[in-house]
């Protein structure tokens, strides 16, 4: 199973457990990106980390957690990660620098 499928499957499991999606955090990690999905399950935070290769695409989990869409669009804008179903240009103007928080552009 690939990263794309793992992210979606874990989101579905957490939703089934009635967990709340608290945050999606992105950061560069060597030659790729690390995405951390943080869930609140009965007052306890659980995080799941996924490592992506440069220019690897993932699918939005907004069909599982509606609130994920703005978090995903922020990641797309600031880090240039391609998230199918989460169009970029939420935070940045058309003339803004592409992926300003990513050093390996």
C-alpha atoms as a PDB file:
ATOM      1  CA  UNK A   1       0.000   0.000   0.000  1.00  0.00           C
ATOM      2  CA  UNK A   2       1.325   3.424  -0.931  1.00  0.00           C
ATOM      3  CA  UNK A   3       1.458   6.566   1.172  1.00  0.00           C
ATOM      4  CA  UNK A   4      -1.547   8.033  -0.628  1.00  0.00           C
ATOM      5  CA  UNK A   5      -3.697   5.049   0.338  1.00  0.00           C
ATOM      6  CA  UNK A   6      -2.332   4.918   3.905  1.00  0.00           C
ATOM      7  CA  UNK A   7      -3.261   8.560   4.567  1.00  0.00           C
ATOM      8  CA  UNK A   8      -6.847   8.037   3.380  1.00  0.00           C
ATOM      9  CA  UNK A   9      -7.266   4.745   5.237  1.00  0.00           C
ATOM     10  CA  UNK A  10      -5.991   6.195   8.519  1.00  0.00           C
ATOM     11  CA  UNK A  11      -8.316   9.199   8.150  1.00  0.00           C
ATOM     12  CA  UNK A  12     -11.256   6.834   7.675  1.00  0.00           C
ATOM     13  CA  UNK A  13     -10.242   4.823  10.751  1.00  0.00           C
ATOM     14  CA  UNK A  14      -9.932   7.939  12.878  1.00  0.00           C
ATOM     15  CA  UNK A  15     -13.281   9.247  11.633  1.00  0.00           C
ATOM     16  CA  UNK A  16     -14.822   5.882  12.534  1.00  0.00           C
ATOM     17  CA  UNK A  17     -13.382   6.287  16.043  1.00  0.00           C
ATOM     18  CA  UNK A  18     -15.011   9.744  16.252  1.00  0.00           C
ATOM     19  CA  UNK A  19     -11.641  11.478  16.381  1.00  0.00           C
ATOM     20  CA  UNK A  20     -11.328  15.136  15.394  1.00  0.00           C
ATOM     21  CA  UNK A  21      -8.712  16.230  12.863  1.00  0.00           C
ATOM     22  CA  UNK A  22      -6.705  18.849  14.760  1.00  0.00           C
ATOM     23  CA  UNK A  23      -3.934  19.752  12.288  1.00  0.00           C
ATOM     24  CA  UNK A  24      -1.910  18.810   9.252  1.00  0.00           C
ATOM     25  CA  UNK A  25       1.741  19.825   9.542  1.00  0.00           C
ATOM     26  CA  UNK A  26       4.230  19.791   6.670  1.00  0.00           C
ATOM     27  CA  UNK A  27       8.004  20.061   6.744  1.00  0.00           C
ATOM     28  CA  UNK A  28      10.879  19.271   4.471  1.00  0.00           C
ATOM     29  CA  UNK A  29      12.735  16.128   5.410  1.00  0.00           C
ATOM     30  CA  UNK A  30      15.929  15.472   3.515  1.00  0.00           C
ATOM     31  CA  UNK A  31      14.952  14.758  -0.066  1.00  0.00           C
ATOM     32  CA  UNK A  32      11.202  14.931   0.472  1.00  0.00           C
ATOM     33  CA  UNK A  33       8.408  16.042   2.737  1.00  0.00           C
ATOM     34  CA  UNK A  34       7.058  14.812   6.036  1.00  0.00           C
ATOM     35  CA  UNK A  35       3.332  15.246   6.576  1.00  0.00           C
ATOM     36  CA  UNK A  36       1.979  14.819  10.083  1.00  0.00           C
ATOM     37  CA  UNK A  37      -1.743  14.394  10.611  1.00  0.00           C
ATOM     38  CA  UNK A  38      -2.747  15.123  14.210  1.00  0.00           C
ATOM     39  CA  UNK A  39      -6.037  13.804  15.557  1.00  0.00           C
ATOM     40  CA  UNK A  40      -7.792  14.419  18.872  1.00  0.00           C
ATOM     41  CA  UNK A  41      -9.318  11.183  20.135  1.00  0.00           C
ATOM     42  CA  UNK A  42     -11.178  11.641  23.401  1.00  0.00           C
ATOM     43  CA  UNK A  43      -8.866  14.445  24.524  1.00  0.00           C
ATOM     44  CA  UNK A  44      -5.638  12.649  23.591  1.00  0.00           C
ATOM     45  CA  UNK A  45      -3.604  13.679  20.572  1.00  0.00           C
ATOM     46  CA  UNK A  46      -2.457  11.040  18.124  1.00  0.00           C
ATOM     47  CA  UNK A  47      -0.146  11.793  15.248  1.00  0.00           C
ATOM     48  CA  UNK A  48       0.606   9.867  12.102  1.00  0.00           C
ATOM     49  CA  UNK A  49       3.617  10.759   9.980  1.00  0.00           C
ATOM     50  CA  UNK A  50       4.039  10.095   6.292  1.00  0.00           C
ATOM     51  CA  UNK A  51       7.127  10.624   4.167  1.00  0.00           C
ATOM     52  CA  UNK A  52       6.709  11.763   0.581  1.00  0.00           C
ATOM     53  CA  UNK A  53       9.205  11.912  -2.238  1.00  0.00           C
ATOM     54  CA  UNK A  54       9.655  15.238  -4.031  1.00  0.00           C
ATOM     55  CA  UNK A  55       6.723  15.934  -6.346  1.00  0.00           C
ATOM     56  CA  UNK A  56       4.753  12.921  -5.033  1.00  0.00           C
ATOM     57  CA  UNK A  57       1.008  13.577  -5.094  1.00  0.00           C
ATOM     58  CA  UNK A  58      -1.560  12.597  -2.490  1.00  0.00           C
ATOM     59  CA  UNK A  59      -5.352  12.755  -2.388  1.00  0.00           C
ATOM     60  CA  UNK A  60      -7.363  15.110  -0.236  1.00  0.00           C
ATOM     61  CA  UNK A  61      -9.045  13.663   2.842  1.00  0.00           C
ATOM     62  CA  UNK A  62     -11.710  16.386   2.730  1.00  0.00           C
ATOM     63  CA  UNK A  63     -14.287  13.751   1.775  1.00  0.00           C
ATOM     64  CA  UNK A  64     -13.601  12.196   5.205  1.00  0.00           C
ATOM     65  CA  UNK A  65     -12.959  15.415   7.175  1.00  0.00           C
ATOM     66  CA  UNK A  66     -14.471  18.507   5.556  1.00  0.00           C
ATOM     67  CA  UNK A  67     -12.231  20.762   7.677  1.00  0.00           C
ATOM     68  CA  UNK A  68      -9.132  19.210   6.117  1.00  0.00           C
ATOM     69  CA  UNK A  69      -9.581  21.188   2.899  1.00  0.00           C
ATOM     70  CA  UNK A  70      -8.229  24.511   4.186  1.00  0.00           C
ATOM     71  CA  UNK A  71      -5.315  22.781   5.943  1.00  0.00           C
ATOM     72  CA  UNK A  72      -4.450  20.915   2.737  1.00  0.00           C
ATOM     73  CA  UNK A  73      -4.701  24.062   0.630  1.00  0.00           C
ATOM     74  CA  UNK A  74      -2.350  25.833   3.048  1.00  0.00           C
ATOM     75  CA  UNK A  75       0.182  23.004   2.655  1.00  0.00           C
ATOM     76  CA  UNK A  76      -0.235  23.157  -1.126  1.00  0.00           C
ATOM     77  CA  UNK A  77       0.395  26.920  -1.155  1.00  0.00           C
ATOM     78  CA  UNK A  78       3.296  27.109   1.253  1.00  0.00           C
ATOM     79  CA  UNK A  79       5.153  23.900   0.358  1.00  0.00           C
ATOM     80  CA  UNK A  80       4.057  23.216  -3.220  1.00  0.00           C
ATOM     81  CA  UNK A  81       2.714  19.762  -2.383  1.00  0.00           C
ATOM     82  CA  UNK A  82       0.206  18.550  -4.954  1.00  0.00           C
ATOM     83  CA  UNK A  83      -2.950  17.377  -3.222  1.00  0.00           C
ATOM     84  CA  UNK A  84      -5.615  16.067  -5.590  1.00  0.00           C
ATOM     85  CA  UNK A  85      -8.918  17.718  -4.685  1.00  0.00           C
ATOM     86  CA  UNK A  86      -7.292  20.621  -2.794  1.00  0.00           C
ATOM     87  CA  UNK A  87      -6.529  23.407  -5.249  1.00  0.00           C
ATOM     88  CA  UNK A  88      -3.746  25.832  -4.322  1.00  0.00           C
ATOM     89  CA  UNK A  89      -4.041  29.623  -4.066  1.00  0.00           C
ATOM     90  CA  UNK A  90      -5.857  29.838  -0.743  1.00  0.00           C
ATOM     91  CA  UNK A  91      -3.291  32.065   0.967  1.00  0.00           C
ATOM     92  CA  UNK A  92      -1.059  33.334  -1.804  1.00  0.00           C
ATOM     93  CA  UNK A  93      -1.802  35.865  -4.512  1.00  0.00           C
ATOM     94  CA  UNK A  94      -1.226  34.920  -8.145  1.00  0.00           C
ATOM     95  CA  UNK A  95       2.031  36.897  -8.240  1.00  0.00           C
ATOM     96  CA  UNK A  96       3.412  35.327  -5.043  1.00  0.00           C
ATOM     97  CA  UNK A  97       6.493  33.143  -4.966  1.00  0.00           C
ATOM     98  CA  UNK A  98       5.758  29.450  -5.518  1.00  0.00           C
ATOM     99  CA  UNK A  99       6.071  27.331  -2.343  1.00  0.00           C
ATOM    100  CA  UNK A 100       7.788  30.019  -0.214  1.00  0.00           C
ATOM    101  CA  UNK A 101       8.485  27.680   2.722  1.00  0.00           C
ATOM    102  CA  UNK A 102      10.192  25.027   0.644  1.00  0.00           C
ATOM    103  CA  UNK A 103      13.918  25.299   0.094  1.00  0.00           C
ATOM    104  CA  UNK A 104      14.145  22.522  -2.542  1.00  0.00           C
ATOM    105  CA  UNK A 105      11.898  24.110  -5.186  1.00  0.00           C
END
